[in-house]
Amino acid sequence: MPKKNSISESDKIIGKAIIIEQLTESIVRASLPNGKIIHAHLPLKIKDKTTLTIGERILVRMNPYDFSRGRIIIDE
């Protein structure tokens, strides 16, 4: 039986963002179109294959309960 409070893939929110600062090799600070600043991170699977640069456009998947963090799903 699934958990009552679990979040399905369809509940996650995908948004476009622009990288404004690189904090570590896999964590960046990004700006959403509405001006909100979030922390976004690369998944471990593509961490070694991808390099991120300031000003790059990315797609971020966010949890509907916490818009301050997200996972980078692809760079445009």
Foldseek 3Di string as FASTA:
>chain_A
DDDPPDDDPVQKDKFKWFFAADDDLFWTWTAGPVGDIAIEGEDPVCSVVDGDDGGWMFMWIGHPVDPRYTYTDGTD
